[in-house]
Amino acid sequence: LDVIGVGGINFEDDIAKFSSRGMTTWELPAGYGRVKPDIVTYGSYVRGSSNVEGCRSLSGTSVASPVVAGAVALLKSGVLHRGEDVINPAAIKQTLMSTATRLPLANMFEQGSGKLDLQRAYHA
């Protein structure tokens, strides 16, 4: 699938308490569940804009997911000169997952492929 499941970590690279873990279940019993999340990135106490003024700290996978969306936009913009057909959603997902950095204290059901590494993804 071309959907990227995103989990959250804090700035010490610990899996956030709110982050989803385990296997997906919607494919069962007809098939197999998939590991979730696909990757993790910062989602705890991330500075963001306030609806009043200035900044505030935000937490949640709703914070981590836009970090990945921004990474996807940067990756896409980095290869536009190569033509439209060079990169597609599946290629982006595969690149993000194959270049993620494994967190040593978390298992695959907590971190998926690991922590987003935008620089490695760009070079891939």
PDB file of N, CA and C in Angstrom:
ATOM      1  N   LEU A   1       0.824  -1.197   0.000  1.00  0.00           N
ATOM      2  CA  LEU A   1       0.000   0.000   0.000  1.00  0.00           C
ATOM      3  C   LEU A   1       0.858   1.246   0.000  1.00  0.00           C
ATOM      4  N   ASP A   2       0.328   2.333  -0.497  1.00  0.00           N
ATOM      5  CA  ASP A   2       1.077   3.576  -0.566  1.00  0.00           C
ATOM      6  C   ASP A   2       0.863   4.474   0.652  1.00  0.00           C
ATOM      7  N   VAL A   3       0.254   3.953   1.690  1.00  0.00           N
ATOM      8  CA  VAL A   3       0.057   4.692   2.930  1.00  0.00           C
ATOM      9  C   VAL A   3       1.278   4.484   3.809  1.00  0.00           C
ATOM     10  N   ILE A   4       1.740   5.536   4.470  1.00  0.00           N
ATOM     11  CA  ILE A   4       2.874   5.424   5.374  1.00  0.00           C
ATOM     12  C   ILE A   4       2.348   5.574   6.795  1.00  0.00           C
ATOM     13  N   GLY A   5       2.439   4.492   7.570  1.00  0.00           N
ATOM     14  CA  GLY A   5       2.030   4.538   8.972  1.00  0.00           C
ATOM     15  C   GLY A   5       3.152   5.146   9.796  1.00  0.00           C
ATOM     16  N   VAL A   6       2.845   6.196  10.572  1.00  0.00           N
ATOM     17  CA  VAL A   6       3.864   6.932  11.304  1.00  0.00           C
ATOM     18  C   VAL A   6       3.626   6.826  12.802  1.00  0.00           C
ATOM     19  N   GLY A   7       4.678   6.444  13.524  1.00  0.00           N
ATOM     20  CA  GLY A   7       4.654   6.420  14.981  1.00  0.00           C
ATOM     21  C   GLY A   7       5.460   7.589  15.519  1.00  0.00           C
ATOM     22  N   GLY A   8       5.286   7.867  16.802  1.00  0.00           N
ATOM     23  CA  GLY A   8       5.967   9.003  17.413  1.00  0.00           C
ATOM     24  C   GLY A   8       7.055   8.605  18.382  1.00  0.00           C
ATOM     25  N   ILE A   9       8.112   9.423  18.419  1.00  0.00           N
ATOM     26  CA  ILE A   9       9.198   9.272  19.387  1.00  0.00           C
ATOM     27  C   ILE A   9       9.449  10.620  20.044  1.00  0.00           C
ATOM     28  N   ASN A  10      10.150  10.586  21.177  1.00  0.00           N
ATOM     29  CA  ASN A  10      10.562  11.838  21.817  1.00  0.00           C
ATOM     30  C   ASN A  10      11.991  12.168  21.381  1.00  0.00           C
ATOM     31  N   PHE A  11      12.537  13.244  21.895  1.00  0.00           N
ATOM     32  CA  PHE A  11      13.863  13.683  21.457  1.00  0.00           C
ATOM     33  C   PHE A  11      14.991  12.845  22.054  1.00  0.00           C
ATOM     34  N   GLU A  12      14.667  11.892  22.908  1.00  0.00           N
ATOM     35  CA  GLU A  12      15.646  10.923  23.399  1.00  0.00           C
ATOM     36  C   GLU A  12      15.537   9.610  22.612  1.00  0.00           C
ATOM     37  N   ASP A  13      14.760   9.618  21.553  1.00  0.00           N
ATOM     38  CA  ASP A  13      14.526   8.457  20.682  1.00  0.00           C
ATOM     39  C   ASP A  13      13.812   7.304  21.384  1.00  0.00           C
ATOM     40  N   ASP A  14      12.990   7.620  22.374  1.00  0.00           N
ATOM     41  CA  ASP A  14      12.127   6.629  23.017  1.00  0.00           C
ATOM     42  C   ASP A  14      10.774   6.655  22.321  1.00  0.00           C
ATOM     43  N   ILE A  15      10.168   5.482  22.178  1.00  0.00           N
ATOM     44  CA  ILE A  15       8.833   5.418  21.588  1.00  0.00           C
ATOM     45  C   ILE A  15       7.855   6.132  22.516  1.00  0.00           C
ATOM     46  N   ALA A  16       7.060   7.017  21.966  1.00  0.00           N
ATOM     47  CA  ALA A  16       6.082   7.769  22.753  1.00  0.00           C
ATOM     48  C   ALA A  16       4.959   6.849  23.229  1.00  0.00           C
ATOM     49  N   LYS A  17       4.416   7.151  24.372  1.00  0.00           N
ATOM     50  CA  LYS A  17       3.333   6.339  24.926  1.00  0.00           C
ATOM     51  C   LYS A  17       2.115   6.307  24.021  1.00  0.00           C
ATOM     52  N   PHE A  18       1.859   7.382  23.309  1.00  0.00           N
ATOM     53  CA  PHE A  18       0.674   7.464  22.454  1.00  0.00           C
ATOM     54  C   PHE A  18       0.852   6.757  21.111  1.00  0.00           C
ATOM     55  N   SER A  19       2.069   6.350  20.782  1.00  0.00           N
ATOM     56  CA  SER A  19       2.348   5.782  19.468  1.00  0.00           C
ATOM     57  C   SER A  19       1.711   4.411  19.308  1.00  0.00           C
ATOM     58  N   SER A  20       1.133   4.180  18.150  1.00  0.00           N
ATOM     59  CA  SER A  20       0.500   2.900  17.855  1.00  0.00           C
ATOM     60  C   SER A  20       1.550   1.806  17.743  1.00  0.00           C
ATOM     61  N   ARG A  21       1.179   0.602  18.160  1.00  0.00           N
ATOM     62  CA  ARG A  21       2.098  -0.537  18.130  1.00  0.00           C
ATOM     63  C   ARG A  21       1.368  -1.760  17.610  1.00  0.00           C
ATOM     64  N   GLY A  22       2.144  -2.738  17.138  1.00  0.00           N
ATOM     65  CA  GLY A  22       1.562  -4.034  16.831  1.00  0.00           C
ATOM     66  C   GLY A  22       1.302  -4.276  15.369  1.00  0.00           C
ATOM     67  N   MET A  23       0.278  -5.038  15.120  1.00  0.00           N
ATOM     68  CA  MET A  23      -0.096  -5.426  13.764  1.00  0.00           C
ATOM     69  C   MET A  23      -1.429  -4.777  13.404  1.00  0.00           C
ATOM     70  N   THR A  24      -1.605  -4.520  12.115  1.00  0.00           N
ATOM     71  CA  THR A  24      -2.917  -4.080  11.658  1.00  0.00           C
ATOM     72  C   THR A  24      -3.842  -5.293  11.707  1.00  0.00           C
ATOM     73  N   THR A  25      -5.110  -5.054  11.845  1.00  0.00           N
ATOM     74  CA  THR A  25      -6.046  -6.175  11.943  1.00  0.00           C
ATOM     75  C   THR A  25      -7.102  -6.175  10.851  1.00  0.00           C
ATOM     76  N   TRP A  26      -7.194  -5.115  10.065  1.00  0.00           N
ATOM     77  CA  TRP A  26      -8.296  -5.041   9.107  1.00  0.00           C
ATOM     78  C   TRP A  26      -8.188  -6.090   8.015  1.00  0.00           C
ATOM     79  N   GLU A  27      -6.974  -6.637   7.754  1.00  0.00           N
ATOM     80  CA  GLU A  27      -6.838  -7.672   6.733  1.00  0.00           C
ATOM     81  C   GLU A  27      -7.238  -9.047   7.255  1.00  0.00           C
ATOM     82  N   LEU A  28      -7.307  -9.211   8.548  1.00  0.00           N
ATOM     83  CA  LEU A  28      -7.602 -10.509   9.147  1.00  0.00           C
ATOM     84  C   LEU A  28      -9.103 -10.760   9.136  1.00  0.00           C
ATOM     85  N   PRO A  29      -9.637 -11.946   9.089  1.00  0.00           N
ATOM     86  CA  PRO A  29      -8.962 -13.240   9.063  1.00  0.00           C
ATOM     87  C   PRO A  29      -8.633 -13.723   7.650  1.00  0.00           C
ATOM     88  N   ALA A  30      -8.960 -12.945   6.633  1.00  0.00           N
ATOM     89  CA  ALA A  30      -8.744 -13.409   5.261  1.00  0.00           C
ATOM     90  C   ALA A  30      -7.270 -13.410   4.864  1.00  0.00           C
ATOM     91  N   GLY A  31      -6.440 -12.642   5.548  1.00  0.00           N
ATOM     92  CA  GLY A  31      -5.028 -12.547   5.174  1.00  0.00           C
ATOM     93  C   GLY A  31      -4.165 -12.339   6.391  1.00  0.00           C
ATOM     94  N   TYR A  32      -3.102 -11.619   6.218  1.00  0.00           N
ATOM     95  CA  TYR A  32      -2.158 -11.359   7.298  1.00  0.00           C
ATOM     96  C   TYR A  32      -2.189  -9.887   7.661  1.00  0.00           C
ATOM     97  N   GLY A  33      -1.972  -9.595   8.923  1.00  0.00           N
ATOM     98  CA  GLY A  33      -1.831  -8.212   9.344  1.00  0.00           C
ATOM     99  C   GLY A  33      -0.470  -7.690   8.905  1.00  0.00           C
ATOM    100  N   ARG A  34      -0.325  -6.376   8.901  1.00  0.00           N
ATOM    101  CA  ARG A  34       0.956  -5.747   8.573  1.00  0.00           C
ATOM    102  C   ARG A  34       1.516  -5.104   9.824  1.00  0.00           C
ATOM    103  N   VAL A  35       2.845  -5.009   9.882  1.00  0.00           N
ATOM    104  CA  VAL A  35       3.490  -4.342  11.009  1.00  0.00           C
ATOM    105  C   VAL A  35       3.147  -2.866  10.943  1.00  0.00           C
ATOM    106  N   LYS A  36       2.863  -2.290  12.083  1.00  0.00           N
ATOM    107  CA  LYS A  36       2.682  -0.851  12.165  1.00  0.00           C
ATOM    108  C   LYS A  36       3.452  -0.332  13.365  1.00  0.00           C
ATOM    109  N   PRO A  37       3.960   0.827  13.352  1.00  0.00           N
ATOM    110  CA  PRO A  37       3.990   1.769  12.239  1.00  0.00           C
ATOM    111  C   PRO A  37       5.035   1.357  11.200  1.00  0.00           C
ATOM    112  N   ASP A  38       5.047   2.051  10.069  1.00  0.00           N
ATOM    113  CA  ASP A  38       6.083   1.804   9.067  1.00  0.00           C
ATOM    114  C   ASP A  38       7.398   2.441   9.493  1.00  0.00           C
ATOM    115  N   ILE A  39       7.328   3.682   9.986  1.00  0.00           N
ATOM    116  CA  ILE A  39       8.496   4.403  10.488  1.00  0.00           C
ATOM    117  C   ILE A  39       8.063   5.264  11.664  1.00  0.00           C
ATOM    118  N   VAL A  40       9.045   5.785  12.394  1.00  0.00           N
ATOM    119  CA  VAL A  40       8.771   6.701  13.495  1.00  0.00           C
ATOM    120  C   VAL A  40       9.578   7.983  13.301  1.00  0.00           C
ATOM    121  N   THR A  41       9.073   9.055  13.886  1.00  0.00           N
ATOM    122  CA  THR A  41       9.788  10.326  13.900  1.00  0.00           C
ATOM    123  C   THR A  41       9.289  11.139  15.085  1.00  0.00           C
ATOM    124  N   TYR A  42       9.869  12.306  15.260  1.00  0.00           N
ATOM    125  CA  TYR A  42       9.550  13.131  16.428  1.00  0.00           C
ATOM    126  C   TYR A  42       8.075  13.502  16.467  1.00  0.00           C
ATOM    127  N   GLY A  43       7.466  13.253  17.620  1.00  0.00           N
ATOM    128  CA  GLY A  43       6.061  13.550  17.797  1.00  0.00           C
ATOM    129  C   GLY A  43       5.729  13.979  19.213  1.00  0.00           C
ATOM    130  N   SER A  44       6.747  14.085  20.082  1.00  0.00           N
ATOM    131  CA  SER A  44       6.521  14.500  21.473  1.00  0.00           C
ATOM    132  C   SER A  44       7.170  15.852  21.722  1.00  0.00           C
ATOM    133  N   TYR A  45       6.359  16.781  22.188  1.00  0.00           N
ATOM    134  CA  TYR A  45       6.826  18.123  22.541  1.00  0.00           C
ATOM    135  C   TYR A  45       7.555  18.808  21.383  1.00  0.00           C
ATOM    136  N   VAL A  46       6.979  18.707  20.211  1.00  0.00           N
ATOM    137  CA  VAL A  46       7.514  19.375  19.026  1.00  0.00           C
ATOM    138  C   VAL A  46       6.974  20.797  19.017  1.00  0.00           C
ATOM    139  N   ARG A  47       7.842  21.763  18.797  1.00  0.00           N
ATOM    140  CA  ARG A  47       7.407  23.150  18.766  1.00  0.00           C
ATOM    141  C   ARG A  47       6.632  23.415  17.480  1.00  0.00           C
ATOM    142  N   GLY A  48       5.483  24.032  17.638  1.00  0.00           N
ATOM    143  CA  GLY A  48       4.642  24.373  16.499  1.00  0.00           C
ATOM    144  C   GLY A  48       3.939  25.685  16.763  1.00  0.00           C
ATOM    145  N   SER A  49       3.221  26.156  15.787  1.00  0.00           N
ATOM    146  CA  SER A  49       2.556  27.444  15.932  1.00  0.00           C
ATOM    147  C   SER A  49       1.350  27.327  16.859  1.00  0.00           C
ATOM    148  N   SER A  50       1.101  28.392  17.562  1.00  0.00           N
ATOM    149  CA  SER A  50      -0.050  28.486  18.454  1.00  0.00           C
ATOM    150  C   SER A  50      -1.197  29.157  17.707  1.00  0.00           C
ATOM    151  N   ASN A  51      -2.403  28.818  18.079  1.00  0.00           N
ATOM    152  CA  ASN A  51      -3.543  29.478  17.435  1.00  0.00           C
ATOM    153  C   ASN A  51      -3.803  30.864  18.021  1.00  0.00           C
ATOM    154  N   VAL A  52      -3.057  31.234  19.049  1.00  0.00           N
ATOM    155  CA  VAL A  52      -3.177  32.568  19.626  1.00  0.00           C
ATOM    156  C   VAL A  52      -2.036  33.445  19.114  1.00  0.00           C
ATOM    157  N   GLU A  53      -0.806  33.123  19.550  1.00  0.00           N
ATOM    158  CA  GLU A  53       0.390  33.799  19.050  1.00  0.00           C
ATOM    159  C   GLU A  53       1.614  33.007  19.470  1.00  0.00           C
ATOM    160  N   GLY A  54       2.679  33.164  18.744  1.00  0.00           N
ATOM    161  CA  GLY A  54       3.926  32.497  19.086  1.00  0.00           C
ATOM    162  C   GLY A  54       3.886  30.998  18.815  1.00  0.00           C
ATOM    163  N   CYS A  55       4.586  30.251  19.669  1.00  0.00           N
ATOM    164  CA  CYS A  55       4.708  28.803  19.509  1.00  0.00           C
ATOM    165  C   CYS A  55       4.224  28.087  20.750  1.00  0.00           C
ATOM    166  N   ARG A  56       3.982  26.796  20.595  1.00  0.00           N
ATOM    167  CA  ARG A  56       3.631  25.937  21.721  1.00  0.00           C
ATOM    168  C   ARG A  56       4.149  24.540  21.420  1.00  0.00           C
ATOM    169  N   SER A  57       4.226  23.710  22.443  1.00  0.00           N
ATOM    170  CA  SER A  57       4.650  22.323  22.266  1.00  0.00           C
ATOM    171  C   SER A  57       3.448  21.470  21.913  1.00  0.00           C
ATOM    172  N   LEU A  58       3.628  20.612  20.927  1.00  0.00           N
ATOM    173  CA  LEU A  58       2.566  19.727  20.463  1.00  0.00           C
ATOM    174  C   LEU A  58       3.050  18.290  20.521  1.00  0.00           C
ATOM    175  N   SER A  59       2.142  17.368  20.790  1.00  0.00           N
ATOM    176  CA  SER A  59       2.489  15.951  20.838  1.00  0.00           C
ATOM    177  C   SER A  59       1.405  15.119  20.179  1.00  0.00           C
ATOM    178  N   GLY A  60       1.812  14.005  19.571  1.00  0.00           N
ATOM    179  CA  GLY A  60       0.870  13.060  18.990  1.00  0.00           C
ATOM    180  C   GLY A  60       1.344  12.578  17.632  1.00  0.00           C
ATOM    181  N   THR A  61       0.710  11.529  17.155  1.00  0.00           N
ATOM    182  CA  THR A  61       1.034  11.079  15.800  1.00  0.00           C
ATOM    183  C   THR A  61       0.537  12.099  14.787  1.00  0.00           C
ATOM    184  N   SER A  62      -0.394  12.950  15.206  1.00  0.00           N
ATOM    185  CA  SER A  62      -0.846  14.034  14.339  1.00  0.00           C
ATOM    186  C   SER A  62       0.236  15.100  14.186  1.00  0.00           C
ATOM    187  N   VAL A  63       1.261  15.055  15.014  1.00  0.00           N
ATOM    188  CA  VAL A  63       2.431  15.922  14.885  1.00  0.00           C
ATOM    189  C   VAL A  63       3.515  15.200  14.090  1.00  0.00           C
ATOM    190  N   ALA A  64       3.705  13.907  14.353  1.00  0.00           N
ATOM    191  CA  ALA A  64       4.736  13.127  13.667  1.00  0.00           C
ATOM    192  C   ALA A  64       4.423  12.953  12.178  1.00  0.00           C
ATOM    193  N   SER A  65       3.161  12.757  11.848  1.00  0.00           N
ATOM    194  CA  SER A  65       2.789  12.537  10.441  1.00  0.00           C
ATOM    195  C   SER A  65       3.134  13.718   9.538  1.00  0.00           C
ATOM    196  N   PRO A  66       2.888  14.964   9.947  1.00  0.00           N
ATOM    197  CA  PRO A  66       3.296  16.081   9.090  1.00  0.00           C
ATOM    198  C   PRO A  66       4.812  16.191   8.922  1.00  0.00           C
ATOM    199  N   VAL A  67       5.579  15.713   9.895  1.00  0.00           N
ATOM    200  CA  VAL A  67       7.037  15.690   9.739  1.00  0.00           C
ATOM    201  C   VAL A  67       7.388  14.788   8.558  1.00  0.00           C
ATOM    202  N   VAL A  68       6.749  13.629   8.482  1.00  0.00           N
ATOM    203  CA  VAL A  68       6.990  12.703   7.372  1.00  0.00           C
ATOM    204  C   VAL A  68       6.454  13.299   6.065  1.00  0.00           C
ATOM    205  N   ALA A  69       5.310  13.944   6.104  1.00  0.00           N
ATOM    206  CA  ALA A  69       4.768  14.577   4.898  1.00  0.00           C
ATOM    207  C   ALA A  69       5.741  15.637   4.366  1.00  0.00           C
ATOM    208  N   GLY A  70       6.347  16.395   5.262  1.00  0.00           N
ATOM    209  CA  GLY A  70       7.354  17.374   4.850  1.00  0.00           C
ATOM    210  C   GLY A  70       8.565  16.701   4.235  1.00  0.00           C
ATOM    211  N   ALA A  71       8.988  15.572   4.806  1.00  0.00           N
ATOM    212  CA  ALA A  71      10.118  14.818   4.258  1.00  0.00           C
ATOM    213  C   ALA A  71       9.789  14.314   2.851  1.00  0.00           C
ATOM    214  N   VAL A  72       8.572  13.848   2.659  1.00  0.00           N
ATOM    215  CA  VAL A  72       8.143  13.376   1.334  1.00  0.00           C
ATOM    216  C   VAL A  72       8.193  14.527   0.329  1.00  0.00           C
ATOM    217  N   ALA A  73       7.706  15.693   0.730  1.00  0.00           N
ATOM    218  CA  ALA A  73       7.729  16.856  -0.167  1.00  0.00           C
ATOM    219  C   ALA A  73       9.160  17.237  -0.533  1.00  0.00           C
ATOM    220  N   LEU A  74      10.067  17.199   0.442  1.00  0.00           N
ATOM    221  CA  LEU A  74      11.467  17.522   0.159  1.00  0.00           C
ATOM    222  C   LEU A  74      12.102  16.496  -0.770  1.00  0.00           C
ATOM    223  N   LEU A  75      11.820  15.217  -0.532  1.00  0.00           N
ATOM    224  CA  LEU A  75      12.361  14.181  -1.416  1.00  0.00           C
ATOM    225  C   LEU A  75      11.850  14.353  -2.839  1.00  0.00           C
ATOM    226  N   LYS A  76      10.564  14.580  -2.958  1.00  0.00           N
ATOM    227  CA  LYS A  76       9.963  14.765  -4.289  1.00  0.00           C
ATOM    228  C   LYS A  76      10.581  15.970  -4.995  1.00  0.00           C
ATOM    229  N   SER A  77      10.760  17.080  -4.279  1.00  0.00           N
ATOM    230  CA  SER A  77      11.335  18.282  -4.894  1.00  0.00           C
ATOM    231  C   SER A  77      12.794  18.073  -5.285  1.00  0.00           C
ATOM    232  N   GLY A  78      13.469  17.153  -4.618  1.00  0.00           N
ATOM    233  CA  GLY A  78      14.868  16.896  -4.925  1.00  0.00           C
ATOM    234  C   GLY A  78      15.103  16.098  -6.183  1.00  0.00           C
ATOM    235  N   VAL A  79      14.055  15.495  -6.733  1.00  0.00           N
ATOM    236  CA  VAL A  79      14.221  14.678  -7.938  1.00  0.00           C
ATOM    237  C   VAL A  79      13.341  15.155  -9.096  1.00  0.00           C
ATOM    238  N   LEU A  80      12.695  16.294  -8.944  1.00  0.00           N
ATOM    239  CA  LEU A  80      11.822  16.797 -10.008  1.00  0.00           C
ATOM    240  C   LEU A  80      12.561  16.987 -11.325  1.00  0.00           C
ATOM    241  N   HIS A  81      13.816  17.357 -11.264  1.00  0.00           N
ATOM    242  CA  HIS A  81      14.586  17.595 -12.485  1.00  0.00           C
ATOM    243  C   HIS A  81      14.808  16.312 -13.281  1.00  0.00           C
ATOM    244  N   ARG A  82      14.548  15.151 -12.673  1.00  0.00           N
ATOM    245  CA  ARG A  82      14.778  13.868 -13.344  1.00  0.00           C
ATOM    246  C   ARG A  82      13.555  13.390 -14.120  1.00  0.00           C
ATOM    247  N   GLY A  83      12.431  14.068 -13.980  1.00  0.00           N
ATOM    248  CA  GLY A  83      11.227  13.690 -14.727  1.00  0.00           C
ATOM    249  C   GLY A  83      10.132  13.192 -13.808  1.00  0.00           C
ATOM    250  N   GLU A  84       8.913  13.254 -14.278  1.00  0.00           N
ATOM    251  CA  GLU A  84       7.727  12.896 -13.499  1.00  0.00           C
ATOM    252  C   GLU A  84       7.685  11.443 -13.052  1.00  0.00           C
ATOM    253  N   ASP A  85       8.159  10.525 -13.891  1.00  0.00           N
ATOM    254  CA  ASP A  85       7.996   9.105 -13.607  1.00  0.00           C
ATOM    255  C   ASP A  85       9.099   8.510 -12.738  1.00  0.00           C
ATOM    256  N   VAL A  86      10.015   9.327 -12.264  1.00  0.00           N
ATOM    257  CA  VAL A  86      11.137   8.828 -11.464  1.00  0.00           C
ATOM    258  C   VAL A  86      10.681   8.382 -10.080  1.00  0.00           C
ATOM    259  N   ILE A  87       9.754   9.092  -9.507  1.00  0.00           N
ATOM    260  CA  ILE A  87       9.371   8.792  -8.126  1.00  0.00           C
ATOM    261  C   ILE A  87       7.846   8.747  -8.018  1.00  0.00           C
ATOM    262  N   ASN A  88       7.362   7.754  -7.303  1.00  0.00           N
ATOM    263  CA  ASN A  88       5.933   7.590  -7.095  1.00  0.00           C
ATOM    264  C   ASN A  88       5.711   7.277  -5.617  1.00  0.00           C
ATOM    265  N   PRO A  89       4.486   7.243  -5.131  1.00  0.00           N
ATOM    266  CA  PRO A  89       4.253   7.009  -3.700  1.00  0.00           C
ATOM    267  C   PRO A  89       4.904   5.735  -3.160  1.00  0.00           C
ATOM    268  N   ALA A  90       4.839   4.648  -3.907  1.00  0.00           N
ATOM    269  CA  ALA A  90       5.440   3.397  -3.432  1.00  0.00           C
ATOM    270  C   ALA A  90       6.956   3.515  -3.330  1.00  0.00           C
ATOM    271  N   ALA A  91       7.572   4.203  -4.289  1.00  0.00           N
ATOM    272  CA  ALA A  91       9.026   4.390  -4.257  1.00  0.00           C
ATOM    273  C   ALA A  91       9.440   5.252  -3.070  1.00  0.00           C
ATOM    274  N   ILE A  92       8.651   6.270  -2.783  1.00  0.00           N
ATOM    275  CA  ILE A  92       8.951   7.128  -1.632  1.00  0.00           C
ATOM    276  C   ILE A  92       8.849   6.323  -0.338  1.00  0.00           C
ATOM    277  N   LYS A  93       7.779   5.563  -0.194  1.00  0.00           N
ATOM    278  CA  LYS A  93       7.609   4.756   1.015  1.00  0.00           C
ATOM    279  C   LYS A  93       8.763   3.768   1.162  1.00  0.00           C
ATOM    280  N   GLN A  94       9.108   3.090   0.093  1.00  0.00           N
ATOM    281  CA  GLN A  94      10.198   2.121   0.142  1.00  0.00           C
ATOM    282  C   GLN A  94      11.511   2.803   0.521  1.00  0.00           C
ATOM    283  N   THR A  95      11.766   3.973  -0.029  1.00  0.00           N
ATOM    284  CA  THR A  95      12.996   4.702   0.281  1.00  0.00           C
ATOM    285  C   THR A  95      13.032   5.113   1.746  1.00  0.00           C
ATOM    286  N   LEU A  96      11.932   5.650   2.242  1.00  0.00           N
ATOM    287  CA  LEU A  96      11.897   6.062   3.649  1.00  0.00           C
ATOM    288  C   LEU A  96      12.123   4.876   4.585  1.00  0.00           C
ATOM    289  N   MET A  97      11.495   3.763   4.271  1.00  0.00           N
ATOM    290  CA  MET A  97      11.614   2.588   5.146  1.00  0.00           C
ATOM    291  C   MET A  97      12.991   1.937   5.053  1.00  0.00           C
ATOM    292  N   SER A  98      13.551   1.870   3.873  1.00  0.00           N
ATOM    293  CA  SER A  98      14.849   1.192   3.715  1.00  0.00           C
ATOM    294  C   SER A  98      16.011   2.017   4.251  1.00  0.00           C
ATOM    295  N   THR A  99      15.820   3.317   4.422  1.00  0.00           N
ATOM    296  CA  THR A  99      16.897   4.172   4.930  1.00  0.00           C
ATOM    297  C   THR A  99      16.687   4.587   6.383  1.00  0.00           C
ATOM    298  N   ALA A 100      15.615   4.135   6.998  1.00  0.00           N
ATOM    299  CA  ALA A 100      15.344   4.479   8.400  1.00  0.00           C
ATOM    300  C   ALA A 100      16.427   3.882   9.299  1.00  0.00           C
ATOM    301  N   THR A 101      16.666   4.540  10.422  1.00  0.00           N
ATOM    302  CA  THR A 101      17.662   4.102  11.393  1.00  0.00           C
ATOM    303  C   THR A 101      16.979   3.319  12.504  1.00  0.00           C
ATOM    304  N   ARG A 102      17.430   2.099  12.728  1.00  0.00           N
ATOM    305  CA  ARG A 102      16.843   1.258  13.784  1.00  0.00           C
ATOM    306  C   ARG A 102      17.167   1.834  15.155  1.00  0.00           C
ATOM    307  N   LEU A 103      16.164   1.879  16.014  1.00  0.00           N
ATOM    308  CA  LEU A 103      16.361   2.306  17.399  1.00  0.00           C
ATOM    309  C   LEU A 103      16.691   1.065  18.227  1.00  0.00           C
ATOM    310  N   PRO A 104      17.794   1.074  18.963  1.00  0.00           N
ATOM    311  CA  PRO A 104      18.251  -0.144  19.642  1.00  0.00           C
ATOM    312  C   PRO A 104      17.339  -0.649  20.758  1.00  0.00           C
ATOM    313  N   LEU A 105      16.552   0.227  21.368  1.00  0.00           N
ATOM    314  CA  LEU A 105      15.737  -0.192  22.514  1.00  0.00           C
ATOM    315  C   LEU A 105      14.274  -0.446  22.172  1.00  0.00           C
ATOM    316  N   ALA A 106      13.948  -0.455  20.887  1.00  0.00           N
ATOM    317  CA  ALA A 106      12.559  -0.681  20.483  1.00  0.00           C
ATOM    318  C   ALA A 106      12.498  -1.850  19.501  1.00  0.00           C
ATOM    319  N   ASN A 107      11.411  -2.618  19.583  1.00  0.00           N
ATOM    320  CA  ASN A 107      11.266  -3.734  18.652  1.00  0.00           C
ATOM    321  C   ASN A 107      10.515  -3.276  17.399  1.00  0.00           C
ATOM    322  N   MET A 108      10.417  -4.167  16.418  1.00  0.00           N
ATOM    323  CA  MET A 108       9.802  -3.791  15.135  1.00  0.00           C
ATOM    324  C   MET A 108       8.318  -3.456  15.268  1.00  0.00           C
ATOM    325  N   PHE A 109       7.659  -3.972  16.289  1.00  0.00           N
ATOM    326  CA  PHE A 109       6.242  -3.677  16.484  1.00  0.00           C
ATOM    327  C   PHE A 109       6.033  -2.309  17.127  1.00  0.00           C
ATOM    328  N   GLU A 110       7.122  -1.668  17.549  1.00  0.00           N
ATOM    329  CA  GLU A 110       7.059  -0.323  18.107  1.00  0.00           C
ATOM    330  C   GLU A 110       7.590   0.720  17.124  1.00  0.00           C
ATOM    331  N   GLN A 111       8.590   0.342  16.323  1.00  0.00           N
ATOM    332  CA  GLN A 111       9.252   1.312  15.460  1.00  0.00           C
ATOM    333  C   GLN A 111       9.154   1.022  13.970  1.00  0.00           C
ATOM    334  N   GLY A 112       8.589  -0.110  13.596  1.00  0.00           N
ATOM    335  CA  GLY A 112       8.560  -0.460  12.178  1.00  0.00           C
ATOM    336  C   GLY A 112       9.972  -0.578  11.644  1.00  0.00           C
ATOM    337  N   SER A 113      10.270   0.154  10.582  1.00  0.00           N
ATOM    338  CA  SER A 113      11.614   0.115   9.993  1.00  0.00           C
ATOM    339  C   SER A 113      12.610   0.974  10.753  1.00  0.00           C
ATOM    340  N   GLY A 114      12.131   1.847  11.622  1.00  0.00           N
ATOM    341  CA  GLY A 114      13.024   2.692  12.410  1.00  0.00           C
ATOM    342  C   GLY A 114      12.685   4.164  12.279  1.00  0.00           C
ATOM    343  N   LYS A 115      13.645   4.975  12.682  1.00  0.00           N
ATOM    344  CA  LYS A 115      13.496   6.432  12.734  1.00  0.00           C
ATOM    345  C   LYS A 115      13.786   7.051  11.365  1.00  0.00           C
ATOM    346  N   LEU A 116      12.931   7.953  10.949  1.00  0.00           N
ATOM    347  CA  LEU A 116      13.101   8.683   9.699  1.00  0.00           C
ATOM    348  C   LEU A 116      14.499   9.285   9.629  1.00  0.00           C
ATOM    349  N   ASP A 117      15.183   9.053   8.521  1.00  0.00           N
ATOM    350  CA  ASP A 117      16.501   9.641   8.273  1.00  0.00           C
ATOM    351  C   ASP A 117      16.445  10.300   6.894  1.00  0.00           C
ATOM    352  N   LEU A 118      16.077  11.565   6.882  1.00  0.00           N
ATOM    353  CA  LEU A 118      15.848  12.274   5.629  1.00  0.00           C
ATOM    354  C   LEU A 118      17.109  12.367   4.783  1.00  0.00           C
ATOM    355  N   GLN A 119      18.249  12.585   5.405  1.00  0.00           N
ATOM    356  CA  GLN A 119      19.492  12.695   4.641  1.00  0.00           C
ATOM    357  C   GLN A 119      19.833  11.392   3.928  1.00  0.00           C
ATOM    358  N   ARG A 120      19.714  10.262   4.619  1.00  0.00           N
ATOM    359  CA  ARG A 120      19.963   8.962   3.978  1.00  0.00           C
ATOM    360  C   ARG A 120      18.941   8.695   2.865  1.00  0.00           C
ATOM    361  N   ALA A 121      17.692   9.070   3.113  1.00  0.00           N
ATOM    362  CA  ALA A 121      16.652   8.868   2.099  1.00  0.00           C
ATOM    363  C   ALA A 121      16.956   9.684   0.851  1.00  0.00           C
ATOM    364  N   TYR A 122      17.391  10.910   1.030  1.00  0.00           N
ATOM    365  CA  TYR A 122      17.721  11.766  -0.118  1.00  0.00           C
ATOM    366  C   TYR A 122      18.858  11.160  -0.933  1.00  0.00           C
ATOM    367  N   HIS A 123      19.888  10.679  -0.256  1.00  0.00           N
ATOM    368  CA  HIS A 123      21.021  10.097  -0.963  1.00  0.00           C
ATOM    369  C   HIS A 123      20.682   8.791  -1.656  1.00  0.00           C
ATOM    370  N   ALA A 124      19.690   8.087  -1.129  1.00  0.00           N
ATOM    371  CA  ALA A 124      19.247   6.830  -1.765  1.00  0.00           C
ATOM    372  C   ALA A 124      18.501   7.145  -3.044  1.00  0.00           C
TER     373      ALA A 124
END
